[in-house]
Amino acid sequence: MYAFKVTGGKKLSGTVEIQSAKNAILPLMICTLLTTDPIVLHKVPLLADVKTLMQLLESLGTTITMDGDTMILQTPEIKTTAASYDYISKMRAGFWVLGPLLARMGQASVSLPGGCAIGARALDIYFSALTAMGANIENSNGYIKASGQLHGADVNCWRVTVGGTHNTIMAASLAKGTTVIHNAALEPEVMDLISMLTQMGVNFEGVGSRDLIIHGIEKLHGAEYTPVPDRIETMTFMSAATITKSHIFLKNARLNLSEAELGVFHTGKVRLTQTDTGVDIDATEAELVGLPITTGPYPEFATDNQSLMCAILSLAKGESIINEKMHDNRFMHVPELVRMGANIRLIDNTHAIITGVDQLKGATVMASDLRGGAALVVAALAATGYSTIQRVYHIDRGYYHLEEKLKALGADIERLWLD
């Protein structure tokens, strides 16, 4: 099992390139199931989740080739409509093949998903949407079995769900008639999916609003597309620069973060400048202050960035209160940060009260999920002494060679194999 060893206290400087968004790449790859034509995706990092999805798609009949960081996918024939537990258990996004398989083949059998253990994240909206579109859904021995010819429908989402919106959009693209998703997700990665499906021939209305209209078509054609840069990786390096009071440049990054997210840095005297080629971050005069934060669906504060805030606000002046409204088990990183000297108190596992301390201290800690693991790395960059972050396979699911990127900026970090 790999771990990161980080010796804190090093200033960061230089340029690092932000990868394409994991949460955009995965649904774009799955779009291959909607067409017999090739899908060409550029700037694809071979993350652990990307590799797992490649294996899943190949098991369904997709041929995949890589030319540098360009991925070419083509699925002229679906060889099986069964998506195995071996793949879906490793990443939740693999479950999104359900809608496309059902839309193209009229049937699908998909294992219930795995991924990060950050709460229940129920699938009820997925099933409600497909049922409204004409599907018969059965839960049998840990697999969701769906059948039926899909048609357009009104889909009412009683809460905003990115995965549910992705799955419904893809299913509706090949459904007969018009589908309306009420209370659709607005994340940039959802907009990316809509943009590529538009290239593939699907007609949308209401893009950018909570009421999204999809006009299904009989046959989709291929597309060539470059996914949006990863806003969560951008926030990770912004946090790394801030906690170390450094000046770095993020090539290819965009400041497509919420006002609440950007406000943490602006209030803390971090200068953020969007240029034609990326984002300049000058945190040399950073003075973070305690803030109230509430997570929510885009354009609110992203739950994926909550753990990073726990890390950097641990060194802020005063008290911060973080209200986690999206997931019911998303503070697993808090006990690990406390091991490093952070003063954080949890209330009902929905609120974290953070009282800033003068210094974090190196410790052996464990990543319990992808984003929490990244927060531990960020905290370790500012801690005295050295830290060992175990179970970095969680981090590898969403960051491509994170330690190499940080090392290139001057961080003292290495990947170790633990027996």
Protein backbone atom coordinates (compact mmCIF):
# COMPACT_ATOMS: atom_id res chain seq x y z
CA MET A 1 0.00 0.00 0.00
CA TYR A 2 1.36 3.40 -1.00
CA ALA A 3 1.64 6.40 1.30
CA PHE A 4 2.84 9.98 1.00
CA LYS A 5 5.58 11.29 3.25
CA VAL A 6 5.42 15.08 3.50
CA THR A 7 7.87 17.34 5.32
CA GLY A 8 6.07 20.60 5.91
CA GLY A 9 7.20 24.18 5.96
CA LYS A 10 8.34 24.52 2.35
CA LYS A 11 7.29 27.48 0.22
CA LEU A 12 5.78 26.66 -3.18
CA SER A 13 6.62 28.45 -6.41
CA GLY A 14 6.37 27.88 -10.14
CA THR A 15 3.72 26.61 -12.53
CA VAL A 16 1.57 23.48 -12.49
CA GLU A 17 -1.00 22.40 -15.09
CA ILE A 18 -4.52 21.61 -13.96
CA GLN A 19 -5.90 18.36 -15.36
CA SER A 20 -9.26 17.89 -17.03
CA ALA A 21 -12.06 17.36 -14.54
CA LYS A 22 -12.53 13.78 -13.38
CA ASN A 23 -16.24 14.43 -12.89
CA ALA A 24 -16.50 15.63 -16.50
CA ILE A 25 -14.36 12.96 -18.16
CA LEU A 26 -16.29 10.00 -16.74
CA PRO A 27 -19.75 10.83 -18.18
CA LEU A 28 -18.15 11.93 -21.46
CA MET A 29 -16.51 8.50 -21.73
CA ILE A 30 -19.84 6.81 -21.00
CA CYS A 31 -21.40 8.66 -23.94
CA THR A 32 -19.68 6.10 -26.19
CA LEU A 33 -22.53 3.73 -25.25
CA LEU A 34 -25.00 6.06 -26.99
CA THR A 35 -23.46 5.85 -30.47
CA THR A 36 -21.65 3.53 -32.85
CA ASP A 37 -19.39 6.39 -33.98
CA PRO A 38 -16.03 7.27 -32.39
CA ILE A 39 -15.76 9.58 -29.38
CA VAL A 40 -12.44 11.47 -29.16
CA LEU A 41 -11.49 13.06 -25.85
CA HIS A 42 -8.39 15.24 -25.41
CA LYS A 43 -6.31 15.97 -22.28
CA VAL A 44 -7.39 12.82 -20.46
CA PRO A 45 -5.37 12.05 -17.30
CA LEU A 46 -5.15 8.32 -16.54
CA LEU A 47 -6.62 8.55 -13.07
CA ALA A 48 -7.52 5.39 -11.19
CA ASP A 49 -11.22 6.08 -11.82
CA VAL A 50 -10.57 6.62 -15.53
CA LYS A 51 -8.71 3.31 -15.75
CA THR A 52 -11.52 1.50 -13.94
CA LEU A 53 -14.13 2.98 -16.30
CA MET A 54 -12.00 2.02 -19.30
CA GLN A 55 -12.07 -1.59 -18.09
CA LEU A 56 -15.83 -1.45 -17.51
CA LEU A 57 -16.54 -0.02 -20.96
CA GLU A 58 -14.26 -2.58 -22.61
CA SER A 59 -16.19 -5.34 -20.84
CA LEU A 60 -19.38 -3.96 -22.44
CA GLY A 61 -17.89 -3.92 -25.95
CA THR A 62 -16.06 -0.59 -26.26
CA THR A 63 -12.68 -0.43 -27.96
CA ILE A 64 -10.37 2.18 -26.44
CA THR A 65 -7.04 3.46 -27.69
CA MET A 66 -4.75 6.14 -26.27
CA ASP A 67 -2.59 8.49 -28.31
CA GLY A 68 -0.68 10.48 -25.71
CA ASP A 69 -3.41 12.04 -23.59
CA THR A 70 -6.04 11.65 -26.33
CA MET A 71 -8.56 8.85 -25.83
CA ILE A 72 -10.53 7.33 -28.71
CA LEU A 73 -13.57 5.27 -27.76
CA GLN A 74 -15.93 3.38 -30.06
CA THR A 75 -18.76 0.99 -29.29
CA PRO A 76 -20.12 -0.38 -32.58
CA GLU A 77 -21.82 -3.21 -30.70
CA ILE A 78 -22.87 -3.75 -27.09
CA LYS A 79 -21.60 -7.23 -26.25
CA THR A 80 -23.30 -7.41 -22.85
CA THR A 81 -25.70 -5.21 -20.93
CA ALA A 82 -24.39 -6.44 -17.56
CA ALA A 83 -22.03 -4.14 -15.64
CA SER A 84 -20.11 -6.17 -13.10
CA TYR A 85 -19.69 -5.51 -9.38
CA ASP A 86 -15.93 -5.83 -9.92
CA TYR A 87 -15.93 -2.43 -11.64
CA ILE A 88 -18.92 -0.59 -10.15
CA SER A 89 -17.80 -1.32 -6.58
CA LYS A 90 -14.61 0.70 -7.16
CA MET A 91 -16.26 3.90 -8.39
CA ARG A 92 -19.75 5.29 -8.11
CA ALA A 93 -19.73 6.90 -11.56
CA GLY A 94 -19.66 3.47 -13.19
CA PHE A 95 -23.33 3.18 -12.24
CA TRP A 96 -24.07 5.89 -14.80
CA VAL A 97 -23.90 3.27 -17.59
CA LEU A 98 -27.41 2.23 -16.51
CA GLY A 99 -29.27 4.93 -18.44
CA PRO A 100 -27.26 4.71 -21.70
CA LEU A 101 -27.38 0.88 -21.78
CA LEU A 102 -31.12 0.92 -21.19
CA ALA A 103 -31.70 3.64 -23.81
CA ARG A 104 -29.67 1.87 -26.49
CA MET A 105 -30.46 -1.77 -25.78
CA GLY A 106 -33.76 -1.74 -23.92
CA GLN A 107 -32.25 -3.55 -20.96
CA ALA A 108 -29.44 -3.31 -18.43
CA SER A 109 -28.17 -5.08 -15.33
CA VAL A 110 -25.84 -2.90 -13.25
CA SER A 111 -24.31 -3.59 -9.85
CA LEU A 112 -25.11 -1.18 -7.06
CA PRO A 113 -22.22 1.30 -6.74
CA GLY A 114 -19.21 1.82 -4.50
CA GLY A 115 -16.79 4.76 -4.45
CA CYS A 116 -16.07 6.98 -1.45
CA ALA A 117 -17.84 6.12 1.80
CA ILE A 118 -19.21 9.63 2.38
CA GLY A 119 -22.83 8.79 3.10
CA ALA A 120 -25.84 7.01 1.70
CA ARG A 121 -26.19 9.03 -1.54
CA ALA A 122 -29.44 7.23 -2.38
CA LEU A 123 -30.26 6.30 -5.97
CA ASP A 124 -33.98 6.95 -5.71
CA ILE A 125 -33.97 9.81 -8.22
CA TYR A 126 -32.15 7.64 -10.79
CA PHE A 127 -34.86 5.01 -10.53
CA SER A 128 -37.74 7.48 -10.40
CA ALA A 129 -36.49 9.19 -13.58
CA LEU A 130 -36.12 5.96 -15.56
CA THR A 131 -39.46 4.67 -14.31
CA ALA A 132 -41.15 7.89 -15.48
CA MET A 133 -39.51 7.29 -18.87
CA GLY A 134 -41.04 3.82 -19.16
CA ALA A 135 -38.51 1.51 -17.52
CA ASN A 136 -39.24 -1.42 -15.28
CA ILE A 137 -36.75 -1.44 -12.38
CA GLU A 138 -35.94 -4.40 -10.13
CA ASN A 139 -33.34 -4.75 -7.37
CA SER A 140 -32.08 -8.34 -7.44
CA ASN A 141 -29.09 -9.70 -5.50
CA GLY A 142 -27.22 -6.41 -5.46
CA TYR A 143 -27.91 -5.60 -9.12
CA ILE A 144 -30.36 -3.15 -10.63
CA LYS A 145 -32.13 -4.78 -13.54
CA ALA A 146 -33.92 -2.43 -15.89
CA SER A 147 -35.91 -3.04 -19.05
CA GLY A 148 -38.23 -1.19 -21.40
CA GLN A 149 -38.27 1.22 -24.32
CA LEU A 150 -37.69 4.73 -23.02
CA HIS A 151 -39.88 7.69 -23.89
CA GLY A 152 -39.86 11.33 -22.94
CA ALA A 153 -41.28 12.32 -19.57
CA ASP A 154 -41.40 14.96 -16.85
CA VAL A 155 -38.72 14.07 -14.31
CA ASN A 156 -39.06 15.76 -10.94
CA CYS A 157 -35.91 15.75 -8.81
CA TRP A 158 -36.81 16.43 -5.17
CA ARG A 159 -33.17 17.27 -4.54
CA VAL A 160 -30.34 18.34 -6.84
CA THR A 161 -28.19 15.39 -7.89
CA VAL A 162 -25.27 15.50 -10.31
CA GLY A 163 -25.23 11.76 -10.94
CA GLY A 164 -28.98 11.61 -11.36
CA THR A 165 -28.87 14.51 -13.82
CA HIS A 166 -26.02 12.90 -15.80
CA ASN A 167 -27.81 9.58 -16.01
CA THR A 168 -31.16 11.08 -16.98
CA ILE A 169 -29.63 13.35 -19.63
CA MET A 170 -27.85 10.43 -21.31
CA ALA A 171 -30.92 8.19 -21.17
CA ALA A 172 -33.17 10.95 -22.52
CA SER A 173 -30.83 11.58 -25.46
CA LEU A 174 -31.97 8.33 -27.11
CA ALA A 175 -35.50 8.26 -25.66
CA LYS A 176 -38.44 8.86 -27.98
CA GLY A 177 -39.87 12.33 -27.44
CA THR A 178 -39.04 15.14 -25.04
CA THR A 179 -37.86 14.87 -21.44
CA VAL A 180 -37.93 17.71 -18.94
CA ILE A 181 -35.71 17.50 -15.85
CA HIS A 182 -37.04 19.73 -13.09
CA ASN A 183 -34.44 20.81 -10.51
CA ALA A 184 -31.51 19.72 -12.71
CA ALA A 185 -27.92 20.07 -11.49
CA LEU A 186 -25.95 23.05 -12.87
CA GLU A 187 -22.36 21.98 -12.15
CA PRO A 188 -19.80 22.86 -14.86
CA GLU A 189 -19.31 19.13 -15.47
CA VAL A 190 -23.02 18.78 -16.27
CA MET A 191 -22.71 21.69 -18.70
CA ASP A 192 -19.77 19.84 -20.30
CA LEU A 193 -21.93 16.75 -20.87
CA ILE A 194 -24.65 18.88 -22.43
CA SER A 195 -22.09 20.60 -24.67
CA MET A 196 -20.72 17.32 -26.02
CA LEU A 197 -24.15 15.74 -26.49
CA THR A 198 -25.13 18.86 -28.43
CA GLN A 199 -22.20 18.12 -30.76
CA MET A 200 -23.55 14.57 -31.04
CA GLY A 201 -26.88 15.89 -32.32
CA VAL A 202 -29.08 16.23 -29.23
CA ASN A 203 -31.19 19.38 -28.94
CA PHE A 204 -31.43 21.01 -25.50
CA GLU A 205 -33.46 23.92 -24.17
CA GLY A 206 -33.17 25.69 -20.84
CA VAL A 207 -29.43 25.04 -20.52
CA GLY A 208 -28.17 26.77 -17.37
CA SER A 209 -31.56 26.72 -15.67
CA ARG A 210 -33.02 24.21 -13.23
CA ASP A 211 -35.60 23.14 -15.86
CA LEU A 212 -33.66 21.32 -18.57
CA ILE A 213 -35.40 20.11 -21.73
CA ILE A 214 -33.92 17.25 -23.79
CA HIS A 215 -35.30 16.34 -27.20
CA GLY A 216 -34.37 12.70 -27.79
CA ILE A 217 -33.16 11.59 -31.21
CA GLU A 218 -33.04 8.19 -32.89
CA LYS A 219 -29.31 8.13 -33.63
CA LEU A 220 -26.40 10.06 -32.14
CA HIS A 221 -23.14 10.60 -34.00
CA GLY A 222 -19.60 10.90 -32.67
CA ALA A 223 -17.81 13.92 -31.27
CA GLU A 224 -14.37 15.34 -30.48
CA TYR A 225 -14.13 17.17 -27.19
CA THR A 226 -11.80 18.58 -24.54
CA PRO A 227 -13.24 18.38 -20.99
CA VAL A 228 -13.39 21.38 -18.70
CA PRO A 229 -10.42 21.86 -16.30
CA ASP A 230 -10.88 20.34 -12.86
CA ARG A 231 -12.22 22.98 -10.46
CA ILE A 232 -11.62 20.71 -7.46
CA GLU A 233 -7.95 20.28 -8.37
CA THR A 234 -7.80 24.05 -8.89
CA MET A 235 -9.20 24.56 -5.38
CA THR A 236 -6.69 22.02 -4.02
CA PHE A 237 -3.69 23.95 -5.35
CA MET A 238 -5.25 27.26 -4.30
CA SER A 239 -5.48 25.80 -0.80
CA ALA A 240 -1.91 24.48 -0.96
CA ALA A 241 -0.61 27.92 -1.97
CA THR A 242 -2.66 29.64 0.72
CA ILE A 243 -1.70 27.38 3.62
CA THR A 244 2.01 27.79 2.73
CA LYS A 245 1.70 31.52 1.87
CA SER A 246 3.12 30.94 -1.61
CA HIS A 247 2.86 32.38 -5.11
CA ILE A 248 2.09 29.87 -7.91
CA PHE A 249 0.49 29.77 -11.35
CA LEU A 250 -2.14 27.21 -12.38
CA LYS A 251 -1.93 26.63 -16.11
CA ASN A 252 -5.23 25.81 -17.83
CA ALA A 253 -7.23 26.65 -14.69
CA ARG A 254 -10.46 28.61 -14.55
CA LEU A 255 -11.97 30.49 -11.64
CA ASN A 256 -15.33 28.78 -12.21
CA LEU A 257 -15.82 28.41 -8.48
CA SER A 258 -18.73 29.72 -6.43
CA GLU A 259 -18.70 33.21 -4.92
CA ALA A 260 -18.63 31.58 -1.49
CA GLU A 261 -15.53 29.55 -2.39
CA LEU A 262 -13.70 32.50 -3.87
CA GLY A 263 -14.75 34.63 -0.91
CA VAL A 264 -12.66 32.54 1.49
CA PHE A 265 -9.52 33.55 -0.41
CA HIS A 266 -10.49 37.15 -1.11
CA THR A 267 -11.33 37.71 2.55
CA GLY A 268 -8.01 36.11 3.48
CA LYS A 269 -6.02 38.55 1.34
CA VAL A 270 -5.15 36.01 -1.36
CA ARG A 271 -4.88 37.61 -4.79
CA LEU A 272 -6.45 35.54 -7.59
CA THR A 273 -6.00 36.65 -11.20
CA GLN A 274 -7.58 34.93 -14.18
CA THR A 275 -5.43 35.19 -17.32
CA ASP A 276 -5.82 33.79 -20.82
CA THR A 277 -3.67 30.79 -19.90
CA GLY A 278 -4.64 30.10 -16.30
CA VAL A 279 -4.90 31.47 -12.78
CA ASP A 280 -2.22 33.35 -10.84
CA ILE A 281 -2.38 32.82 -7.06
CA ASP A 282 -0.45 35.17 -4.80
CA ALA A 283 -0.92 34.10 -1.19
CA THR A 284 2.32 35.56 0.15
CA GLU A 285 0.35 38.01 2.32
CA ALA A 286 -2.45 35.59 3.20
CA GLU A 287 -4.23 36.16 6.50
CA LEU A 288 -7.16 33.77 6.70
CA VAL A 289 -10.00 34.61 9.08
CA GLY A 290 -12.74 32.40 10.45
CA LEU A 291 -15.84 32.17 8.27
CA PRO A 292 -19.21 30.43 8.15
CA ILE A 293 -19.52 27.97 5.25
CA THR A 294 -22.52 25.96 4.09
CA THR A 295 -22.19 23.37 1.35
CA GLY A 296 -24.79 23.00 -1.36
CA PRO A 297 -25.32 22.28 -5.06
CA TYR A 298 -23.59 24.51 -7.60
CA PRO A 299 -23.37 27.51 -7.57
CA GLU A 300 -23.17 27.10 -3.79
CA PHE A 301 -20.09 25.89 -1.89
CA ALA A 302 -19.05 22.48 -3.28
CA THR A 303 -19.09 19.61 -0.81
CA ASP A 304 -15.95 18.28 -2.54
CA ASN A 305 -14.09 21.39 -1.32
CA GLN A 306 -15.32 21.24 2.28
CA SER A 307 -12.42 19.12 3.52
CA LEU A 308 -9.90 21.57 2.04
CA MET A 309 -11.58 24.35 4.02
CA CYS A 310 -11.26 22.30 7.21
CA ALA A 311 -7.53 22.11 6.53
CA ILE A 312 -6.76 25.74 5.73
CA LEU A 313 -9.22 27.26 8.22
CA SER A 314 -7.52 25.25 10.96
CA LEU A 315 -4.82 27.95 10.76
CA ALA A 316 -7.21 30.91 10.38
CA LYS A 317 -7.72 33.59 13.00
CA GLY A 318 -10.90 33.07 14.97
CA GLU A 319 -13.69 30.55 14.59
CA SER A 320 -15.19 28.94 11.48
CA ILE A 321 -18.41 26.94 11.27
CA ILE A 322 -18.90 24.53 8.39
CA ASN A 323 -22.42 23.23 7.77
CA GLU A 324 -22.33 20.09 5.58
CA LYS A 325 -25.73 19.75 3.89
CA MET A 326 -24.90 17.45 0.99
CA HIS A 327 -23.65 14.20 2.55
CA ASP A 328 -24.16 12.63 5.95
CA ASN A 329 -20.67 11.21 6.50
CA ARG A 330 -18.34 13.79 5.04
CA PHE A 331 -16.23 14.71 8.06
CA MET A 332 -14.09 11.57 8.22
CA HIS A 333 -10.99 13.72 7.68
CA VAL A 334 -11.63 15.72 10.88
CA PRO A 335 -10.21 13.17 13.37
CA GLU A 336 -7.10 12.95 11.18
CA LEU A 337 -6.68 16.74 11.14
CA VAL A 338 -7.10 16.73 14.93
CA ARG A 339 -4.18 14.28 15.08
CA MET A 340 -2.17 17.01 13.37
CA GLY A 341 -3.12 19.56 16.02
CA ALA A 342 -6.25 21.10 14.52
CA ASN A 343 -8.95 22.27 16.94
CA ILE A 344 -12.16 20.99 15.35
CA ARG A 345 -15.35 19.91 17.11
CA LEU A 346 -18.13 18.03 15.34
CA ILE A 347 -21.83 18.47 16.13
CA ASP A 348 -24.19 15.72 14.90
CA ASN A 349 -21.73 15.00 12.10
CA THR A 350 -23.30 17.88 10.14
CA HIS A 351 -21.41 20.85 11.60
CA ALA A 352 -17.71 21.38 12.19
CA ILE A 353 -16.65 24.17 14.53
CA ILE A 354 -13.03 25.10 13.82
CA THR A 355 -10.98 27.27 16.16
CA GLY A 356 -7.79 28.38 14.45
CA VAL A 357 -4.45 27.28 15.91
CA ASP A 358 -1.00 28.78 15.41
CA GLN A 359 0.59 25.63 14.02
CA LEU A 360 -0.20 22.14 12.73
CA LYS A 361 2.15 19.28 13.58
CA GLY A 362 3.24 16.35 11.47
CA ALA A 363 1.57 13.00 12.20
CA THR A 364 0.68 9.66 10.66
CA VAL A 365 -2.83 9.97 9.25
CA MET A 366 -5.11 7.98 6.98
CA ALA A 367 -7.10 9.03 3.91
CA SER A 368 -10.65 7.71 4.18
CA ASP A 369 -11.90 9.19 0.92
CA LEU A 370 -10.66 11.06 -2.14
CA ARG A 371 -11.21 14.69 -1.13
CA GLY A 372 -10.47 14.15 2.55
CA GLY A 373 -7.16 12.61 1.56
CA ALA A 374 -6.23 15.66 -0.50
CA ALA A 375 -7.02 17.87 2.49
CA LEU A 376 -4.59 15.88 4.63
CA VAL A 377 -1.86 16.46 2.05
CA VAL A 378 -2.60 20.20 2.07
CA ALA A 379 -2.47 20.29 5.87
CA ALA A 380 0.82 18.38 5.89
CA LEU A 381 2.42 21.00 3.62
CA ALA A 382 2.15 23.54 6.45
CA ALA A 383 2.75 21.26 9.43
CA THR A 384 5.99 21.19 11.38
CA GLY A 385 8.02 18.02 10.94
CA TYR A 386 6.87 15.27 8.65
CA SER A 387 3.56 13.53 8.06
CA THR A 388 2.72 10.16 6.56
CA ILE A 389 -0.59 9.98 4.71
CA GLN A 390 -1.69 6.38 4.30
CA ARG A 391 -4.18 4.86 1.83
CA VAL A 392 -3.35 7.30 -0.95
CA TYR A 393 -5.14 5.04 -3.43
CA HIS A 394 -8.17 7.14 -2.52
CA ILE A 395 -6.32 10.26 -3.68
CA ASP A 396 -5.16 8.55 -6.89
CA ARG A 397 -8.80 8.12 -7.90
CA GLY A 398 -9.06 11.83 -8.63
CA TYR A 399 -5.55 13.32 -8.83
CA TYR A 400 -2.98 12.38 -11.44
CA HIS A 401 0.49 12.22 -9.85
CA LEU A 402 -0.39 14.76 -7.17
CA GLU A 403 2.93 14.27 -5.41
CA GLU A 404 4.91 14.96 -8.60
CA LYS A 405 3.01 18.18 -9.22
CA LEU A 406 3.61 19.37 -5.67
CA LYS A 407 7.26 18.35 -5.81
CA ALA A 408 7.68 20.41 -9.00
CA LEU A 409 6.44 23.42 -7.01
CA GLY A 410 9.02 22.84 -4.28
CA ALA A 411 7.12 20.69 -1.80
CA ASP A 412 9.03 18.00 0.11
CA ILE A 413 6.80 15.02 -0.69
CA GLU A 414 7.46 11.47 -1.80
CA ARG A 415 5.47 8.32 -2.46
CA LEU A 416 6.44 5.36 -0.32
CA TRP A 417 5.48 1.70 -0.36
CA LEU A 418 4.37 0.45 3.05
CA ASP A 419 4.75 -3.27 3.68
